[in-house]
């Protein structure tokens, strides 16, 4: 049994991590206001007191459009605090698992991105998440940076719950066909994280140090927002409540937003599978499972 420190216990991923990590040992779970990533100077004392063998960071500033006008806050949370965690993990010989995003890419490659591809974020959120990755890499130690995409749960606000809500309020839904990525269920993402920790045994630092690096980890298959919405409506556990009569295709430029989004941000996850022998199932399978409960 090991000692784990989880940052971000109330987010859609953190909520699942609390449950998947529980069988592995003592899990210290923190979130705002117990910990405040806008004050990174407070993190060393928290880590020292917790004395974890594994640190998992599920905290992020994820309000993509809002980040365009709150650059300093996004950078504090996504980059500066992440760098401090990396330093503390190295100092205390703790393994660090950190989550990043497909938004570090500009989406112009036209095919799946590999870890070695050059990042080029289009927005502040992506830029600050990239800076967080770089901060960890500069510190070194035993770390896994897991880039993922289109993370969802059915218990918190997000694309799945919004589509279900809109389907009960509108006759016509318009969804973009030119934003393409990999929907990823937060629960399975958390379960894979727990399996990594379990594989590490009683020496997580030594085990992960041998495999340290950047990995892509997202749902199998590929979907546009339109494809995803279509599948959400088809898997609705209460279809009789729907008022929607038509799902229509649209383009991103028809919906101007403060932050530009990458269009084709599909992640190639083969390196993760080669290294750890794990892969997330096709997004259609996991969506069906997610919407059963």
Foldseek 3Di string as FASTA:
>chain_A
DFFEEEEDCPDQLNVLLVVLQVVVDHYHYDYPPVDDLLPLVPPLVVCVVSLGQAYEYPDADDPFQVCQVVLSSRLSNQAVSLLSVLLSCQVSLHEYEYEAELQQAQQPPVDADEPPDDGDHQGSNSVSNVNSQVSNVVSAFQYEYEYEYQEDACPDDHLLVVLVVVQLPDQEAEFEQQAKEAYAYSNVVSNVVSVLVVVCPPNVRVVRSVVDDYFYAYADDMGGSLRVSVLSQVLAPCNVSGNYNYYHYDHPVVPDGNTDGRRHSYHDGVVVCVVPVDHHYHRSVVSNVRNVD
